[in-house]
């Protein structure tokens, strides 16, 4: 005897529930695997050896040295005040040196996001979440200028930041590589999006000769 319509509906609903549960389990497992893989890559990044102690008289100088010694494209946003300070950071791994840096200068913190290391001030407007920007596939140099113009309007607290100057060939990959900046994110995360897929690219927001701040793009050696 074949099952009635009601029984067939129950069987179909049961199969649908099983399929949905299986898809959820697979999706959850895939997400966990991705997160674990990303965490492992970030740990590997911070374990890069320096080889020598880092001695510097300012945070920007220390970050420049950390970048050149480790080969990691460490980005930097300078604090509003930058007193002279003697820094002596350990010669071990990059992560250990960064820990020592922010312990010595507690005005700063560092974060690894999307396998990018950024040193920037604590409790700053750069931690503010913003939304409404959508830059899709624009050359990095153009995307940076557009983002800064937009940011100054939606978050005046960051102050005016001058667009990045060009050094070398205008068509160089550092300036011409297409990038995407979009979505609800903290300002510091949007700046990381400007780096795109180039693992050597970094950004710095530093004082300009005019007294304003300026965005600078660069590539780690």
C-alpha atoms as a PDB file:
ATOM      1  CA  UNK A   1       0.000   0.000   0.000  1.00  0.00           C
ATOM      2  CA  UNK A   2       1.468   3.347  -0.982  1.00  0.00           C
ATOM      3  CA  UNK A   3       1.662   6.137   1.633  1.00  0.00           C
ATOM      4  CA  UNK A   4      -1.059   8.779   1.576  1.00  0.00           C
ATOM      5  CA  UNK A   5      -0.495  12.443   0.637  1.00  0.00           C
ATOM      6  CA  UNK A   6      -0.064  13.463   4.270  1.00  0.00           C
ATOM      7  CA  UNK A   7       2.609  10.826   4.861  1.00  0.00           C
ATOM      8  CA  UNK A   8       4.499  11.876   1.725  1.00  0.00           C
ATOM      9  CA  UNK A   9       4.476  15.508   2.896  1.00  0.00           C
ATOM     10  CA  UNK A  10       5.867  14.484   6.275  1.00  0.00           C
ATOM     11  CA  UNK A  11       8.644  12.461   4.612  1.00  0.00           C
ATOM     12  CA  UNK A  12       9.545  15.352   2.322  1.00  0.00           C
ATOM     13  CA  UNK A  13       9.654  17.789   5.248  1.00  0.00           C
ATOM     14  CA  UNK A  14      11.870  15.411   7.182  1.00  0.00           C
ATOM     15  CA  UNK A  15      14.266  15.068   4.229  1.00  0.00           C
ATOM     16  CA  UNK A  16      14.342  18.846   3.821  1.00  0.00           C
ATOM     17  CA  UNK A  17      15.215  19.270   7.486  1.00  0.00           C
ATOM     18  CA  UNK A  18      18.015  16.717   7.182  1.00  0.00           C
ATOM     19  CA  UNK A  19      19.379  18.471   4.091  1.00  0.00           C
ATOM     20  CA  UNK A  20      19.255  21.868   5.793  1.00  0.00           C
ATOM     21  CA  UNK A  21      21.021  20.543   8.870  1.00  0.00           C
ATOM     22  CA  UNK A  22      23.713  18.961   6.728  1.00  0.00           C
ATOM     23  CA  UNK A  23      24.261  22.200   4.801  1.00  0.00           C
ATOM     24  CA  UNK A  24      24.465  24.186   8.034  1.00  0.00           C
ATOM     25  CA  UNK A  25      26.997  21.746   9.476  1.00  0.00           C
ATOM     26  CA  UNK A  26      29.138  21.872   6.342  1.00  0.00           C
ATOM     27  CA  UNK A  27      28.954  25.667   6.231  1.00  0.00           C
ATOM     28  CA  UNK A  28      29.877  25.977   9.895  1.00  0.00           C
ATOM     29  CA  UNK A  29      32.798  23.594   9.447  1.00  0.00           C
ATOM     30  CA  UNK A  30      34.018  25.503   6.383  1.00  0.00           C
ATOM     31  CA  UNK A  31      33.811  28.823   8.262  1.00  0.00           C
ATOM     32  CA  UNK A  32      35.742  27.380  11.203  1.00  0.00           C
ATOM     33  CA  UNK A  33      38.388  26.002   8.852  1.00  0.00           C
ATOM     34  CA  UNK A  34      38.740  29.415   7.182  1.00  0.00           C
ATOM     35  CA  UNK A  35      39.034  31.181  10.537  1.00  0.00           C
ATOM     36  CA  UNK A  36      41.610  28.656  11.753  1.00  0.00           C
ATOM     37  CA  UNK A  37      43.624  29.037   8.553  1.00  0.00           C
ATOM     38  CA  UNK A  38      43.541  32.842   8.849  1.00  0.00           C
ATOM     39  CA  UNK A  39      44.605  32.691  12.509  1.00  0.00           C
ATOM     40  CA  UNK A  40      47.490  30.407  11.607  1.00  0.00           C
ATOM     41  CA  UNK A  41      48.667  32.812   8.888  1.00  0.00           C
ATOM     42  CA  UNK A  42      48.414  35.759  11.274  1.00  0.00           C
ATOM     43  CA  UNK A  43      50.444  33.871  13.896  1.00  0.00           C
ATOM     44  CA  UNK A  44      53.056  33.086  11.251  1.00  0.00           C
ATOM     45  CA  UNK A  45      53.165  36.773  10.324  1.00  0.00           C
ATOM     46  CA  UNK A  46      53.850  37.844  13.905  1.00  0.00           C
ATOM     47  CA  UNK A  47      56.512  35.153  14.293  1.00  0.00           C
ATOM     48  CA  UNK A  48      58.704  36.673  11.570  1.00  0.00           C
ATOM     49  CA  UNK A  49      62.218  37.076  13.012  1.00  0.00           C
ATOM     50  CA  UNK A  50      63.880  40.467  13.244  1.00  0.00           C
ATOM     51  CA  UNK A  51      67.453  39.321  13.779  1.00  0.00           C
ATOM     52  CA  UNK A  52      68.560  42.485  15.576  1.00  0.00           C
ATOM     53  CA  UNK A  53      67.280  44.725  18.336  1.00  0.00           C
ATOM     54  CA  UNK A  54      65.301  47.735  17.165  1.00  0.00           C
ATOM     55  CA  UNK A  55      66.515  51.032  18.567  1.00  0.00           C
ATOM     56  CA  UNK A  56      64.604  54.171  17.631  1.00  0.00           C
ATOM     57  CA  UNK A  57      63.706  57.605  18.970  1.00  0.00           C
ATOM     58  CA  UNK A  58      60.082  57.664  17.773  1.00  0.00           C
ATOM     59  CA  UNK A  59      57.231  55.313  16.922  1.00  0.00           C
ATOM     60  CA  UNK A  60      57.379  56.055  13.156  1.00  0.00           C
ATOM     61  CA  UNK A  61      61.115  55.294  13.115  1.00  0.00           C
ATOM     62  CA  UNK A  62      60.527  52.069  15.045  1.00  0.00           C
ATOM     63  CA  UNK A  63      57.769  50.971  12.647  1.00  0.00           C
ATOM     64  CA  UNK A  64      60.001  51.702   9.639  1.00  0.00           C
ATOM     65  CA  UNK A  65      62.708  49.505  11.148  1.00  0.00           C
ATOM     66  CA  UNK A  66      60.271  46.729  12.066  1.00  0.00           C
ATOM     67  CA  UNK A  67      58.973  46.758   8.512  1.00  0.00           C
ATOM     68  CA  UNK A  68      62.421  46.615   6.901  1.00  0.00           C
ATOM     69  CA  UNK A  69      63.793  43.972   9.293  1.00  0.00           C
ATOM     70  CA  UNK A  70      60.805  41.631   9.174  1.00  0.00           C
ATOM     71  CA  UNK A  71      59.677  42.163   5.590  1.00  0.00           C
ATOM     72  CA  UNK A  72      56.105  42.533   6.896  1.00  0.00           C
ATOM     73  CA  UNK A  73      54.151  45.500   5.514  1.00  0.00           C
ATOM     74  CA  UNK A  74      53.340  47.117   8.878  1.00  0.00           C
ATOM     75  CA  UNK A  75      51.016  50.122   8.489  1.00  0.00           C
ATOM     76  CA  UNK A  76      50.979  53.124  10.819  1.00  0.00           C
ATOM     77  CA  UNK A  77      48.659  55.917  11.911  1.00  0.00           C
ATOM     78  CA  UNK A  78      50.529  58.409  14.065  1.00  0.00           C
ATOM     79  CA  UNK A  79      49.060  59.882  17.231  1.00  0.00           C
ATOM     80  CA  UNK A  80      48.289  63.597  17.461  1.00  0.00           C
ATOM     81  CA  UNK A  81      51.197  64.065  19.855  1.00  0.00           C
ATOM     82  CA  UNK A  82      54.528  62.391  19.208  1.00  0.00           C
ATOM     83  CA  UNK A  83      56.996  63.047  22.015  1.00  0.00           C
ATOM     84  CA  UNK A  84      60.595  61.950  21.536  1.00  0.00           C
ATOM     85  CA  UNK A  85      61.174  58.628  23.246  1.00  0.00           C
ATOM     86  CA  UNK A  86      63.998  56.114  23.270  1.00  0.00           C
ATOM     87  CA  UNK A  87      62.819  52.698  22.145  1.00  0.00           C
ATOM     88  CA  UNK A  88      64.795  49.477  22.514  1.00  0.00           C
ATOM     89  CA  UNK A  89      62.767  46.571  21.166  1.00  0.00           C
ATOM     90  CA  UNK A  90      63.788  42.890  21.400  1.00  0.00           C
ATOM     91  CA  UNK A  91      65.457  41.066  18.531  1.00  0.00           C
ATOM     92  CA  UNK A  92      63.059  38.115  18.569  1.00  0.00           C
ATOM     93  CA  UNK A  93      59.831  37.880  16.614  1.00  0.00           C
ATOM     94  CA  UNK A  94      57.870  40.776  15.148  1.00  0.00           C
ATOM     95  CA  UNK A  95      54.983  40.136  17.557  1.00  0.00           C
ATOM     96  CA  UNK A  96      57.255  40.369  20.593  1.00  0.00           C
ATOM     97  CA  UNK A  97      58.687  43.670  19.358  1.00  0.00           C
ATOM     98  CA  UNK A  98      55.204  45.060  18.745  1.00  0.00           C
ATOM     99  CA  UNK A  99      54.136  44.009  22.247  1.00  0.00           C
ATOM    100  CA  UNK A 100      57.164  45.833  23.658  1.00  0.00           C
ATOM    101  CA  UNK A 101      56.415  48.899  21.531  1.00  0.00           C
ATOM    102  CA  UNK A 102      52.831  49.373  22.725  1.00  0.00           C
ATOM    103  CA  UNK A 103      53.862  48.609  26.320  1.00  0.00           C
ATOM    104  CA  UNK A 104      56.507  51.339  26.131  1.00  0.00           C
ATOM    105  CA  UNK A 105      54.189  53.793  24.356  1.00  0.00           C
ATOM    106  CA  UNK A 106      50.676  52.950  25.624  1.00  0.00           C
ATOM    107  CA  UNK A 107      49.171  55.685  23.449  1.00  0.00           C
ATOM    108  CA  UNK A 108      49.392  53.096  20.660  1.00  0.00           C
ATOM    109  CA  UNK A 109      47.948  49.682  20.019  1.00  0.00           C
ATOM    110  CA  UNK A 110      48.474  47.236  17.191  1.00  0.00           C
ATOM    111  CA  UNK A 111      46.022  44.969  15.458  1.00  0.00           C
ATOM    112  CA  UNK A 112      46.161  42.224  12.861  1.00  0.00           C
ATOM    113  CA  UNK A 113      43.168  42.319  10.535  1.00  0.00           C
ATOM    114  CA  UNK A 114      42.915  40.408   7.257  1.00  0.00           C
ATOM    115  CA  UNK A 115      46.543  39.414   7.795  1.00  0.00           C
ATOM    116  CA  UNK A 116      47.577  43.078   7.911  1.00  0.00           C
ATOM    117  CA  UNK A 117      49.431  44.601  10.835  1.00  0.00           C
ATOM    118  CA  UNK A 118      48.436  48.165  11.772  1.00  0.00           C
ATOM    119  CA  UNK A 119      49.909  50.282  14.570  1.00  0.00           C
ATOM    120  CA  UNK A 120      47.585  53.148  15.482  1.00  0.00           C
ATOM    121  CA  UNK A 121      46.411  55.279  18.431  1.00  0.00           C
ATOM    122  CA  UNK A 122      44.075  53.934  21.074  1.00  0.00           C
ATOM    123  CA  UNK A 123      40.653  55.519  21.496  1.00  0.00           C
ATOM    124  CA  UNK A 124      40.866  57.386  18.219  1.00  0.00           C
ATOM    125  CA  UNK A 125      38.262  58.228  15.534  1.00  0.00           C
ATOM    126  CA  UNK A 126      39.906  55.540  13.380  1.00  0.00           C
ATOM    127  CA  UNK A 127      38.044  52.951  15.479  1.00  0.00           C
ATOM    128  CA  UNK A 128      34.688  54.501  14.533  1.00  0.00           C
ATOM    129  CA  UNK A 129      32.349  52.409  12.383  1.00  0.00           C
ATOM    130  CA  UNK A 130      31.162  54.120   9.220  1.00  0.00           C
ATOM    131  CA  UNK A 131      29.098  53.028   6.250  1.00  0.00           C
ATOM    132  CA  UNK A 132      27.899  54.295   2.890  1.00  0.00           C
ATOM    133  CA  UNK A 133      31.113  54.130   0.838  1.00  0.00           C
ATOM    134  CA  UNK A 134      31.325  51.911  -2.225  1.00  0.00           C
ATOM    135  CA  UNK A 135      34.464  52.035  -4.353  1.00  0.00           C
ATOM    136  CA  UNK A 136      34.640  49.091  -6.734  1.00  0.00           C
ATOM    137  CA  UNK A 137      37.792  48.284  -8.682  1.00  0.00           C
ATOM    138  CA  UNK A 138      39.266  51.785  -8.767  1.00  0.00           C
ATOM    139  CA  UNK A 139      43.058  52.269  -8.981  1.00  0.00           C
ATOM    140  CA  UNK A 140      44.443  52.489  -5.446  1.00  0.00           C
ATOM    141  CA  UNK A 141      45.607  56.098  -5.809  1.00  0.00           C
ATOM    142  CA  UNK A 142      42.137  57.216  -6.991  1.00  0.00           C
ATOM    143  CA  UNK A 143      40.335  55.083  -4.413  1.00  0.00           C
ATOM    144  CA  UNK A 144      42.428  56.641  -1.656  1.00  0.00           C
ATOM    145  CA  UNK A 145      41.586  60.195  -2.744  1.00  0.00           C
ATOM    146  CA  UNK A 146      37.877  59.366  -3.054  1.00  0.00           C
ATOM    147  CA  UNK A 147      37.789  57.681   0.332  1.00  0.00           C
ATOM    148  CA  UNK A 148      39.526  60.570   2.103  1.00  0.00           C
ATOM    149  CA  UNK A 149      37.130  63.068   0.549  1.00  0.00           C
ATOM    150  CA  UNK A 150      34.137  60.979   1.664  1.00  0.00           C
ATOM    151  CA  UNK A 151      35.564  60.316   5.134  1.00  0.00           C
ATOM    152  CA  UNK A 152      36.126  63.998   5.834  1.00  0.00           C
ATOM    153  CA  UNK A 153      32.423  64.632   5.211  1.00  0.00           C
ATOM    154  CA  UNK A 154      30.945  61.761   7.222  1.00  0.00           C
ATOM    155  CA  UNK A 155      33.439  61.818  10.112  1.00  0.00           C
ATOM    156  CA  UNK A 156      34.926  65.305  10.613  1.00  0.00           C
ATOM    157  CA  UNK A 157      36.567  64.082  13.829  1.00  0.00           C
ATOM    158  CA  UNK A 158      39.377  62.478  11.814  1.00  0.00           C
ATOM    159  CA  UNK A 159      40.412  65.896  10.558  1.00  0.00           C
ATOM    160  CA  UNK A 160      41.662  66.679   7.088  1.00  0.00           C
ATOM    161  CA  UNK A 161      43.988  64.035   5.649  1.00  0.00           C
ATOM    162  CA  UNK A 162      45.787  64.918   2.440  1.00  0.00           C
ATOM    163  CA  UNK A 163      45.671  62.359  -0.409  1.00  0.00           C
ATOM    164  CA  UNK A 164      48.799  60.288  -1.044  1.00  0.00           C
ATOM    165  CA  UNK A 165      51.591  61.757  -3.176  1.00  0.00           C
ATOM    166  CA  UNK A 166      53.060  59.731  -6.011  1.00  0.00           C
ATOM    167  CA  UNK A 167      56.677  58.669  -5.971  1.00  0.00           C
ATOM    168  CA  UNK A 168      58.134  57.137  -9.093  1.00  0.00           C
ATOM    169  CA  UNK A 169      56.058  55.997 -12.057  1.00  0.00           C
ATOM    170  CA  UNK A 170      52.338  56.889 -11.935  1.00  0.00           C
ATOM    171  CA  UNK A 171      51.542  53.546 -13.571  1.00  0.00           C
ATOM    172  CA  UNK A 172      53.336  51.514 -10.903  1.00  0.00           C
ATOM    173  CA  UNK A 173      51.289  48.749  -9.324  1.00  0.00           C
ATOM    174  CA  UNK A 174      51.289  50.452  -5.943  1.00  0.00           C
ATOM    175  CA  UNK A 175      49.140  53.232  -7.420  1.00  0.00           C
ATOM    176  CA  UNK A 176      47.295  51.466 -10.237  1.00  0.00           C
ATOM    177  CA  UNK A 177      46.220  48.161  -8.687  1.00  0.00           C
ATOM    178  CA  UNK A 178      42.397  47.973  -8.466  1.00  0.00           C
ATOM    179  CA  UNK A 179      40.945  47.899  -4.951  1.00  0.00           C
ATOM    180  CA  UNK A 180      37.521  47.676  -3.350  1.00  0.00           C
ATOM    181  CA  UNK A 181      36.458  49.766  -0.346  1.00  0.00           C
ATOM    182  CA  UNK A 182      32.931  49.134   0.844  1.00  0.00           C
ATOM    183  CA  UNK A 183      30.629  48.032   3.622  1.00  0.00           C
ATOM    184  CA  UNK A 184      30.082  48.925   7.245  1.00  0.00           C
ATOM    185  CA  UNK A 185      33.497  48.872   8.899  1.00  0.00           C
ATOM    186  CA  UNK A 186      35.786  50.779  11.193  1.00  0.00           C
ATOM    187  CA  UNK A 187      37.804  53.501   9.505  1.00  0.00           C
ATOM    188  CA  UNK A 188      41.062  51.612  10.112  1.00  0.00           C
ATOM    189  CA  UNK A 189      39.543  48.592   8.362  1.00  0.00           C
ATOM    190  CA  UNK A 190      38.624  50.691   5.338  1.00  0.00           C
ATOM    191  CA  UNK A 191      42.238  51.843   5.120  1.00  0.00           C
ATOM    192  CA  UNK A 192      43.293  48.190   5.162  1.00  0.00           C
ATOM    193  CA  UNK A 193      40.867  47.548   2.292  1.00  0.00           C
ATOM    194  CA  UNK A 194      42.799  50.142   0.278  1.00  0.00           C
ATOM    195  CA  UNK A 195      45.770  47.762   0.326  1.00  0.00           C
ATOM    196  CA  UNK A 196      43.863  45.219  -1.745  1.00  0.00           C
ATOM    197  CA  UNK A 197      45.573  41.899  -2.474  1.00  0.00           C
ATOM    198  CA  UNK A 198      49.134  43.235  -2.537  1.00  0.00           C
ATOM    199  CA  UNK A 199      50.825  41.646   0.516  1.00  0.00           C
ATOM    200  CA  UNK A 200      53.692  44.149   0.349  1.00  0.00           C
ATOM    201  CA  UNK A 201      51.528  47.279   0.324  1.00  0.00           C
ATOM    202  CA  UNK A 202      51.203  49.383   3.466  1.00  0.00           C
ATOM    203  CA  UNK A 203      49.843  52.792   4.401  1.00  0.00           C
ATOM    204  CA  UNK A 204      51.005  55.471   6.798  1.00  0.00           C
ATOM    205  CA  UNK A 205      49.111  58.502   8.041  1.00  0.00           C
ATOM    206  CA  UNK A 206      51.769  60.948   9.165  1.00  0.00           C
ATOM    207  CA  UNK A 207      52.232  64.705   9.618  1.00  0.00           C
ATOM    208  CA  UNK A 208      52.709  66.644   6.377  1.00  0.00           C
ATOM    209  CA  UNK A 209      54.972  69.714   6.077  1.00  0.00           C
ATOM    210  CA  UNK A 210      51.827  71.867   6.017  1.00  0.00           C
ATOM    211  CA  UNK A 211      50.893  70.717   9.511  1.00  0.00           C
ATOM    212  CA  UNK A 212      47.987  68.586   8.284  1.00  0.00           C
ATOM    213  CA  UNK A 213      48.135  64.834   8.136  1.00  0.00           C
ATOM    214  CA  UNK A 214      48.867  62.964   4.948  1.00  0.00           C
ATOM    215  CA  UNK A 215      48.213  59.443   3.685  1.00  0.00           C
ATOM    216  CA  UNK A 216      51.329  57.775   2.297  1.00  0.00           C
ATOM    217  CA  UNK A 217      51.375  54.516   0.336  1.00  0.00           C
ATOM    218  CA  UNK A 218      54.389  52.249   0.202  1.00  0.00           C
ATOM    219  CA  UNK A 219      55.630  48.704  -0.332  1.00  0.00           C
ATOM    220  CA  UNK A 220      57.730  46.647   2.064  1.00  0.00           C
ATOM    221  CA  UNK A 221      61.011  45.378   0.655  1.00  0.00           C
END
